[in-house]
N, C-alpha and C. Protein backbone atom coordinates (compact mmCIF):
# COMPACT_ATOMS: atom_id res chain seq x y z
N MET A 1 -37.90 -14.32 4.18
CA MET A 1 -38.08 -12.55 4.36
C MET A 1 -36.90 -12.10 3.42
N LYS A 2 -37.12 -11.13 2.72
CA LYS A 2 -36.02 -10.69 3.08
C LYS A 2 -35.92 -8.56 3.39
N ILE A 3 -33.96 -8.15 3.84
CA ILE A 3 -34.45 -6.90 3.98
C ILE A 3 -33.06 -6.20 4.00
N ILE A 4 -33.26 -5.66 3.87
CA ILE A 4 -32.45 -3.64 3.20
C ILE A 4 -32.12 -2.68 3.40
N LYS A 5 -31.10 -2.61 3.98
CA LYS A 5 -30.38 -0.64 4.84
C LYS A 5 -32.03 -0.28 4.47
N SER A 6 -32.45 1.21 4.81
CA SER A 6 -33.52 2.03 4.78
C SER A 6 -32.91 2.96 4.25
N THR A 7 -31.10 3.15 4.70
CA THR A 7 -30.32 4.30 4.15
C THR A 7 -29.13 3.91 3.18
N PRO A 8 -28.31 4.58 1.49
CA PRO A 8 -27.24 3.21 1.57
C PRO A 8 -26.34 4.15 2.49
N ASN A 9 -24.82 3.04 1.63
CA ASN A 9 -23.87 3.30 2.41
C ASN A 9 -22.74 4.86 2.35
N PRO A 10 -21.91 5.73 2.69
CA PRO A 10 -21.54 6.46 2.50
C PRO A 10 -21.16 6.66 1.20
N SER A 11 -21.11 5.60 0.50
CA SER A 11 -20.76 5.64 -1.31
C SER A 11 -21.20 6.04 -1.88
N GLY A 12 -22.63 5.70 -1.50
CA GLY A 12 -23.87 6.19 -1.77
C GLY A 12 -24.85 4.38 -2.74
N ALA A 13 -24.07 3.27 -2.14
CA ALA A 13 -24.49 2.18 -2.39
C ALA A 13 -24.96 1.26 -1.50
N TYR A 14 -25.94 0.50 -1.68
CA TYR A 14 -26.66 -0.29 -0.48
C TYR A 14 -25.93 -1.14 -0.10
N PRO A 15 -26.28 -1.62 1.52
CA PRO A 15 -25.52 -3.14 1.28
C PRO A 15 -26.12 -4.23 0.52
N SER A 16 -25.64 -5.54 0.53
CA SER A 16 -26.01 -6.56 -0.03
C SER A 16 -28.20 -6.64 1.04
N PRO A 17 -28.89 -7.54 -0.06
CA PRO A 17 -29.86 -7.68 0.52
C PRO A 17 -29.63 -8.86 1.69
N GLN A 18 -29.91 -8.94 2.97
CA GLN A 18 -30.43 -10.32 4.22
C GLN A 18 -31.24 -11.14 4.16
N PRO A 19 -31.36 -11.81 4.67
CA PRO A 19 -32.49 -13.22 5.28
C PRO A 19 -32.36 -12.08 6.19
N TRP A 20 -34.10 -12.29 6.40
CA TRP A 20 -34.37 -12.09 7.87
C TRP A 20 -36.27 -12.73 8.16
N ASN A 21 -35.67 -13.88 10.09
CA ASN A 21 -37.05 -14.41 9.72
C ASN A 21 -37.49 -13.92 10.69
N GLY A 22 -37.75 -12.55 10.86
CA GLY A 22 -38.89 -11.84 12.49
C GLY A 22 -39.92 -11.76 11.73
N THR A 23 -41.12 -11.64 11.93
CA THR A 23 -42.58 -10.99 11.13
C THR A 23 -42.37 -9.10 10.25
N THR A 24 -41.16 -8.55 10.84
CA THR A 24 -40.90 -7.30 10.56
C THR A 24 -39.65 -6.86 10.49
N PRO A 25 -39.90 -5.86 9.62
CA PRO A 25 -38.00 -5.89 10.31
C PRO A 25 -37.46 -4.95 11.46
N PRO A 26 -36.24 -5.08 11.39
CA PRO A 26 -35.71 -4.03 12.75
C PRO A 26 -35.78 -2.84 12.11
N ASP A 27 -35.80 -1.60 13.12
CA ASP A 27 -35.92 -0.28 12.66
C ASP A 27 -34.71 -0.06 11.80
N GLY A 28 -34.65 0.28 10.76
CA GLY A 28 -33.68 1.65 10.15
C GLY A 28 -33.01 0.33 9.02
N TRP A 29 -34.26 -0.70 8.43
CA TRP A 29 -34.28 -2.01 7.45
C TRP A 29 -35.49 -1.30 6.87
N LEU A 30 -36.08 -2.32 5.81
CA LEU A 30 -37.23 -2.49 4.38
C LEU A 30 -37.28 -3.38 4.01
N GLU A 31 -38.55 -4.48 4.24
CA GLU A 31 -38.64 -5.51 3.35
C GLU A 31 -38.68 -5.62 2.23
N ILE A 32 -38.51 -6.80 1.32
CA ILE A 32 -38.11 -6.24 -0.17
C ILE A 32 -39.32 -7.25 -0.71
N THR A 33 -40.08 -6.90 -1.83
CA THR A 33 -41.17 -8.04 -2.12
C THR A 33 -40.54 -8.59 -3.09
N THR A 34 -40.37 -7.60 -4.17
CA THR A 34 -39.56 -7.81 -5.63
C THR A 34 -38.44 -8.36 -5.49
N ASP A 35 -38.43 -9.11 -6.27
CA ASP A 35 -36.94 -10.49 -6.31
C ASP A 35 -36.41 -9.64 -7.40
N THR A 36 -34.90 -9.96 -7.34
CA THR A 36 -34.26 -8.79 -8.03
C THR A 36 -32.76 -9.72 -8.57
N THR A 37 -32.73 -10.15 -9.44
CA THR A 37 -31.10 -10.64 -9.95
C THR A 37 -29.65 -10.55 -10.17
N GLU A 38 -30.12 -8.92 -9.97
CA GLU A 38 -28.71 -8.08 -10.80
C GLU A 38 -29.07 -6.92 -9.24
N PHE A 39 -27.32 -6.84 -8.75
CA PHE A 39 -28.36 -5.47 -7.79
C PHE A 39 -27.04 -4.43 -8.43
N TYR A 40 -26.21 -4.63 -9.22
CA TYR A 40 -26.00 -2.99 -9.69
C TYR A 40 -24.68 -2.93 -8.50
N ASN A 41 -24.07 -3.51 -7.76
CA ASN A 41 -22.72 -2.87 -6.68
C ASN A 41 -23.61 -1.90 -5.74
N GLY A 42 -25.31 -1.94 -5.88
CA GLY A 42 -25.59 -2.15 -4.27
C GLY A 42 -26.33 -0.37 -4.88
N PHE A 43 -25.81 -0.07 -6.23
CA PHE A 43 -26.24 1.80 -6.86
C PHE A 43 -27.40 1.54 -7.18
N VAL A 44 -28.50 1.55 -6.65
CA VAL A 44 -29.79 0.90 -6.68
C VAL A 44 -31.15 1.95 -7.14
N THR A 45 -32.32 2.55 -6.71
CA THR A 45 -33.40 2.92 -6.61
C THR A 45 -34.27 1.95 -5.76
N LEU A 46 -34.47 2.63 -5.16
CA LEU A 46 -35.68 1.71 -4.04
C LEU A 46 -36.73 2.26 -4.26
N THR A 47 -37.78 1.36 -4.94
CA THR A 47 -39.56 1.93 -4.50
C THR A 47 -39.95 1.22 -3.44
N ILE A 48 -40.83 2.41 -2.75
CA ILE A 48 -41.08 1.78 -1.30
C ILE A 48 -42.12 1.98 -1.45
N THR A 49 -43.12 1.33 -0.66
CA THR A 49 -44.44 1.41 -0.65
C THR A 49 -45.13 0.58 0.72
N ASP A 50 -46.00 1.50 1.41
CA ASP A 50 -46.07 1.47 3.06
C ASP A 50 -45.10 0.86 3.08
N GLY A 51 -43.32 1.59 3.64
CA GLY A 51 -42.60 0.90 4.12
C GLY A 51 -41.82 -0.56 3.77
N VAL A 52 -42.52 -0.68 2.29
CA VAL A 52 -41.72 -2.71 1.71
C VAL A 52 -41.26 -1.51 0.67
N VAL A 53 -39.90 -2.05 -0.03
CA VAL A 53 -39.26 -1.61 -1.02
C VAL A 53 -40.29 -3.47 -2.25
N THR A 54 -41.21 -2.50 -2.91
CA THR A 54 -41.51 -3.57 -3.49
C THR A 54 -41.01 -2.96 -5.70
N ALA A 55 -39.75 -2.02 -5.92
CA ALA A 55 -39.40 -2.82 -6.76
C ALA A 55 -37.80 -1.84 -6.93
N ILE A 56 -36.97 -2.66 -7.13
CA ILE A 56 -35.94 -1.86 -7.57
C ILE A 56 -34.65 -1.43 -9.19
N SER A 57 -34.64 -0.37 -9.10
CA SER A 57 -34.31 -0.45 -10.98
C SER A 57 -32.73 0.20 -10.30
N GLU A 58 -31.38 0.11 -11.08
CA GLU A 58 -30.63 0.19 -11.50
C GLU A 58 -30.53 2.35 -11.22
N ASN A 59 -28.98 2.49 -10.54
CA ASN A 59 -28.95 4.20 -10.78
C ASN A 59 -28.16 4.67 -11.39
N VAL A 60 -28.67 4.25 -13.08
CA VAL A 60 -27.50 4.61 -14.17
C VAL A 60 -26.04 5.55 -13.44
N GLU A 61 -26.77 6.63 -13.12
CA GLU A 61 -25.69 7.61 -13.08
C GLU A 61 -24.72 7.56 -12.07
N ALA A 62 -25.55 6.65 -10.98
CA ALA A 62 -24.14 6.72 -9.79
C ALA A 62 -23.42 4.99 -9.74
N HIS A 63 -24.30 4.41 -10.37
CA HIS A 63 -23.34 2.91 -10.34
C HIS A 63 -21.78 3.56 -11.90
N LYS A 64 -22.31 4.27 -13.01
CA LYS A 64 -21.61 4.62 -13.40
C LYS A 64 -20.61 5.41 -13.14
N ALA A 65 -21.17 6.46 -11.65
CA ALA A 65 -20.17 7.02 -11.14
C ALA A 65 -19.11 6.70 -10.34
N TRP A 66 -19.83 5.78 -9.68
CA TRP A 66 -18.97 4.16 -8.87
C TRP A 66 -17.68 3.45 -10.46
N THR A 67 -18.16 3.08 -10.66
CA THR A 67 -17.27 2.26 -12.01
C THR A 67 -16.95 3.29 -12.23
N ASP A 68 -16.00 4.69 -12.44
CA ASP A 68 -15.61 5.33 -12.94
C ASP A 68 -14.22 4.92 -12.19
N ALA A 69 -15.49 6.21 -11.15
CA ALA A 69 -13.77 6.20 -10.08
C ALA A 69 -13.39 5.06 -10.05
N GLU A 70 -14.24 3.78 -9.78
CA GLU A 70 -12.63 2.57 -9.65
C GLU A 70 -12.13 2.19 -10.66
N ALA A 71 -12.57 2.40 -11.99
CA ALA A 71 -11.89 2.38 -13.05
C ALA A 71 -9.60 3.50 -13.40
N ALA A 72 -10.09 4.50 -12.04
CA ALA A 72 -9.42 5.02 -12.30
C ALA A 72 -8.39 5.47 -11.01
N LYS A 73 -9.16 5.18 -10.10
CA LYS A 73 -7.75 4.27 -9.19
C LYS A 73 -6.30 3.63 -9.69
N PRO A 74 -5.72 3.82 -9.10
CA PRO A 74 -4.22 3.41 -9.30
C PRO A 74 -4.32 1.78 -9.01
N LYS A 75 -4.00 0.69 -9.84
CA LYS A 75 -4.18 -0.29 -10.22
C LYS A 75 -2.01 -1.16 -9.04
N LEU A 76 -3.06 -2.19 -8.01
CA LEU A 76 -1.89 -2.70 -7.70
C LEU A 76 -0.78 -2.87 -7.71
N VAL A 77 0.31 -3.20 -8.44
CA VAL A 77 1.13 -4.25 -9.04
C VAL A 77 1.10 -5.54 -8.00
N GLU A 78 0.96 -6.93 -8.45
CA GLU A 78 1.27 -7.30 -7.41
C GLU A 78 2.69 -8.47 -7.27
N SER A 79 3.24 -8.95 -6.96
CA SER A 79 4.47 -8.83 -6.62
C SER A 79 4.72 -10.35 -6.37
N ASP A 80 5.54 -11.08 -7.24
CA ASP A 80 6.31 -12.86 -6.93
C ASP A 80 6.12 -12.74 -5.54
N PRO A 81 5.39 -13.68 -4.70
CA PRO A 81 6.18 -13.67 -3.23
C PRO A 81 7.45 -14.62 -3.57
N ILE A 82 7.72 -15.03 -4.22
CA ILE A 82 8.78 -16.66 -4.51
C ILE A 82 10.07 -15.49 -5.06
N ALA A 83 10.47 -14.76 -5.70
CA ALA A 83 10.56 -13.92 -6.65
C ALA A 83 11.51 -13.42 -4.61
N GLU A 84 10.47 -12.93 -4.38
CA GLU A 84 11.06 -11.35 -3.54
C GLU A 84 11.56 -12.70 -2.39
N HIS A 85 10.92 -13.92 -1.63
CA HIS A 85 11.32 -15.11 -0.94
C HIS A 85 13.36 -14.57 -1.03
N ASP A 86 13.59 -14.76 -3.31
CA ASP A 86 15.02 -15.23 -2.81
C ASP A 86 16.16 -14.08 -2.95
N GLU A 87 15.72 -12.90 -3.74
CA GLU A 87 16.20 -11.70 -3.28
C GLU A 87 16.49 -11.59 -2.43
N LEU A 88 15.89 -11.94 -0.73
CA LEU A 88 15.58 -11.94 0.90
C LEU A 88 16.75 -12.77 1.02
N ILE A 89 16.64 -14.19 0.62
CA ILE A 89 17.83 -15.26 0.74
C ILE A 89 18.91 -14.79 0.50
N ALA A 90 19.08 -14.51 -1.39
CA ALA A 90 19.94 -13.80 -1.43
C ALA A 90 21.19 -12.88 -1.32
N MET A 91 20.26 -11.93 -0.60
CA MET A 91 20.84 -10.64 0.14
C MET A 91 21.82 -11.21 1.36
N LEU A 92 20.82 -12.36 2.01
CA LEU A 92 20.97 -12.72 3.49
C LEU A 92 22.63 -14.08 3.40
N THR A 93 22.18 -14.43 2.61
CA THR A 93 23.60 -15.34 2.46
C THR A 93 25.09 -14.30 1.92
N GLU A 94 24.38 -13.34 1.21
CA GLU A 94 25.97 -12.54 0.78
C GLU A 94 25.81 -11.81 1.82
N LYS A 95 25.52 -10.98 3.39
CA LYS A 95 25.49 -10.38 4.31
C LYS A 95 26.46 -11.92 5.30
N VAL A 96 25.57 -12.97 5.61
CA VAL A 96 26.15 -13.65 6.50
C VAL A 96 28.35 -14.56 5.56
N THR A 97 27.99 -14.09 4.57
CA THR A 97 29.62 -14.64 4.07
C THR A 97 30.08 -13.36 3.78
N ASN A 98 30.27 -11.84 3.80
CA ASN A 98 30.85 -11.07 4.48
C ASN A 98 31.31 -11.00 5.90
N LEU A 99 29.99 -11.65 6.46
CA LEU A 99 30.73 -10.69 8.09
C LEU A 99 31.57 -12.34 8.56
N GLU A 100 31.64 -13.50 8.06
CA GLU A 100 32.02 -14.78 7.93
C GLU A 100 33.33 -14.53 7.33
N LEU A 101 33.77 -12.97 6.69
CA LEU A 101 34.92 -13.27 5.34
C LEU A 101 35.66 -11.74 6.41
N GLY A 102 34.81 -11.44 7.16
CA GLY A 102 35.28 -9.99 8.11
C GLY A 102 35.41 -8.89 7.33
N ILE A 103 34.27 -9.17 5.93
CA ILE A 103 34.09 -7.84 4.90
C ILE A 103 32.95 -6.49 6.10
N THR A 104 33.18 -5.53 6.19
CA THR A 104 31.56 -5.08 6.39
C THR A 104 32.25 -3.66 5.54
N THR A 105 30.59 -3.06 5.25
CA THR A 105 30.38 -2.69 4.53
C THR A 105 30.06 -1.37 5.08
């Protein structure tokens, strides 16, 4: 059986369904009887019948709000660790050379 938390995360998204070997879900979890291949990043509406999730559909508004917010976040600039390493080696080499020559800044 698969189970899902009965309440979404603070973002409004449900976490991924989890496998469960018990006969009944633990407190705060619901059994899922429907099979879904896409989970819309957790932004879904659950149809619950007698404590069992019988259908999952996309919560279009919540999913769009989340994707818009993700797109608006500043993008991280990936650094080049080899270039950073080479710059550091050059700087340290210059400092050692200056120290050997008695040059201080």
